Amino acid sequence: MNFIQTSNAPAPGGHYSQAVVHNGQVYVAGILPITADGRKLTDAPITEQTTQILANLDAVLQEAGSKRGNVLKVTVFISDISAWGAVNELYAQFFGDHRPARTVVPVNPLHYGFSVELDAIAFV
């Protein structure tokens, strides 16, 4: 088991790793819209929050020896499902022709008042 930690994504805010690699699988922990230097984008528009989350996902995957084209499954948590169209558009741009399995879960509220969070499973 390899515990992933990169300074190119925000440090974990608790007792967990950014990701864990085991038997060729990458299990990415929930990613919030926080910059690598720790700035919380709580008041930013959901599009900016989503862009930051996807950048963080890229950084964690790279550190784990993976990439976005290796993502198998994504779970997206969203506090306002009416904003899903904007999130989905950015998500589709990020993944391009690659279409991992996905679950969208409307929730309220998210930690720190964020609008969106995601986790993912990929392979190395």
Protein backbone atom coordinates (compact mmCIF):
# COMPACT_ATOMS: atom_id res chain seq x y z
CA MET A 1 0.00 0.00 0.00
CA ASN A 2 1.34 3.42 -1.00
CA PHE A 3 -0.02 6.57 0.64
CA ILE A 4 0.00 9.54 -1.74
CA GLN A 5 0.94 13.07 -0.71
CA THR A 6 1.71 15.88 -3.16
CA SER A 7 2.31 19.55 -2.43
CA ASN A 8 0.56 20.31 -5.76
CA ALA A 9 -2.83 19.69 -4.11
CA PRO A 10 -4.13 20.77 -0.71
CA ALA A 11 -2.83 18.86 2.29
CA PRO A 12 -5.35 16.57 3.98
CA GLY A 13 -7.36 18.35 6.66
CA GLY A 14 -7.55 15.28 8.87
CA HIS A 15 -6.25 11.76 9.41
CA TYR A 16 -6.29 10.53 5.78
CA SER A 17 -4.18 10.48 2.61
CA GLN A 18 -4.86 12.36 -0.61
CA ALA A 19 -4.97 8.92 -2.22
CA VAL A 20 -3.95 5.33 -1.60
CA VAL A 21 -2.50 3.05 -4.26
CA HIS A 22 -3.07 -0.67 -3.76
CA ASN A 23 -2.84 -3.53 -6.26
CA GLY A 24 -2.69 -1.12 -9.20
CA GLN A 25 -5.74 0.87 -8.10
CA VAL A 26 -5.72 4.51 -7.01
CA TYR A 27 -8.35 5.47 -4.45
CA VAL A 28 -8.58 9.28 -4.35
CA ALA A 29 -10.02 10.81 -1.19
CA GLY A 30 -12.71 13.46 -1.34
CA ILE A 31 -11.35 16.60 -3.01
CA LEU A 32 -12.61 20.01 -2.00
CA PRO A 33 -12.05 23.34 -3.80
CA ILE A 34 -8.93 24.30 -1.89
CA THR A 35 -5.76 25.52 -3.59
CA ALA A 36 -2.43 23.78 -3.05
CA ASP A 37 -1.40 26.59 -0.69
CA GLY A 38 -4.53 26.06 1.43
CA ARG A 39 -6.81 28.86 0.20
CA LYS A 40 -10.45 27.77 0.53
CA LEU A 41 -12.63 28.83 -2.42
CA THR A 42 -15.78 28.80 -0.31
CA ASP A 43 -17.25 31.99 -1.79
CA ALA A 44 -16.11 31.33 -5.36
CA PRO A 45 -18.66 30.47 -8.06
CA ILE A 46 -19.29 26.74 -8.48
CA THR A 47 -17.46 26.84 -11.82
CA GLU A 48 -14.28 28.08 -10.14
CA GLN A 49 -14.70 25.51 -7.36
CA THR A 50 -15.12 22.74 -9.94
CA THR A 51 -12.08 23.86 -11.92
CA GLN A 52 -9.97 23.78 -8.74
CA ILE A 53 -11.22 20.33 -7.77
CA LEU A 54 -10.34 18.94 -11.21
CA ALA A 55 -6.86 20.52 -11.04
CA ASN A 56 -6.38 18.91 -7.62
CA LEU A 57 -7.52 15.57 -9.04
CA ASP A 58 -4.92 15.84 -11.82
CA ALA A 59 -2.16 16.59 -9.28
CA VAL A 60 -3.06 13.66 -7.03
CA LEU A 61 -3.38 11.25 -9.96
CA GLN A 62 0.00 12.34 -11.32
CA GLU A 63 1.67 11.83 -7.94
CA ALA A 64 0.10 8.35 -7.80
CA GLY A 65 1.51 7.48 -11.24
CA SER A 66 -1.88 7.69 -12.94
CA LYS A 67 -3.76 10.15 -15.15
CA ARG A 68 -7.29 11.32 -15.88
CA GLY A 69 -7.66 8.81 -18.73
CA ASN A 70 -7.20 6.03 -16.16
CA VAL A 71 -10.11 7.13 -13.96
CA LEU A 72 -12.65 4.34 -13.59
CA LYS A 73 -15.26 5.88 -11.25
CA VAL A 74 -16.08 9.33 -9.93
CA THR A 75 -18.54 10.38 -7.26
CA VAL A 76 -19.57 14.05 -7.34
CA PHE A 77 -21.25 15.61 -4.34
CA ILE A 78 -23.11 18.85 -5.11
CA SER A 79 -24.98 21.12 -2.71
CA ASP A 80 -27.24 22.70 -5.35
CA ILE A 81 -28.34 20.26 -8.04
CA SER A 82 -29.62 23.17 -10.15
CA ALA A 83 -25.94 24.04 -10.77
CA TRP A 84 -25.25 20.56 -12.18
CA GLY A 85 -25.24 21.74 -15.81
CA ALA A 86 -22.27 24.05 -15.23
CA VAL A 87 -20.37 21.40 -13.26
CA ASN A 88 -21.10 18.72 -15.87
CA GLU A 89 -19.86 20.98 -18.68
CA LEU A 90 -16.49 21.49 -16.96
CA TYR A 91 -16.33 17.79 -16.05
CA ALA A 92 -16.94 16.82 -19.71
CA GLN A 93 -14.24 19.24 -20.91
CA PHE A 94 -11.81 17.81 -18.34
CA PHE A 95 -12.35 14.17 -19.33
CA GLY A 96 -12.94 14.71 -23.06
CA ASP A 97 -13.73 11.41 -24.80
CA HIS A 98 -12.97 9.43 -21.61
CA ARG A 99 -16.19 8.61 -19.77
CA PRO A 100 -15.62 7.07 -16.33
CA ALA A 101 -18.56 5.63 -14.43
CA ARG A 102 -20.08 8.41 -12.32
CA THR A 103 -22.50 9.01 -9.51
CA VAL A 104 -23.87 12.47 -8.68
CA VAL A 105 -25.10 12.91 -5.12
CA PRO A 106 -27.08 16.02 -4.13
CA VAL A 107 -26.13 16.89 -0.55
CA ASN A 108 -26.42 19.80 1.78
CA PRO A 109 -24.33 21.22 3.27
CA LEU A 110 -20.77 20.35 2.29
CA HIS A 111 -17.81 20.94 4.59
CA TYR A 112 -16.83 24.64 4.95
CA GLY A 113 -19.89 25.59 2.87
CA PHE A 114 -18.39 24.41 -0.42
CA SER A 115 -20.69 23.75 -3.36
CA VAL A 116 -18.97 20.67 -4.83
CA GLU A 117 -16.68 17.79 -3.88
CA LEU A 118 -15.56 14.63 -5.65
CA ASP A 119 -13.68 11.41 -5.10
CA ALA A 120 -12.39 8.95 -7.67
CA ILE A 121 -10.98 5.50 -8.36
CA ALA A 122 -8.37 5.05 -11.10
CA PHE A 123 -5.73 2.56 -12.13
CA VAL A 124 -1.98 3.07 -12.41
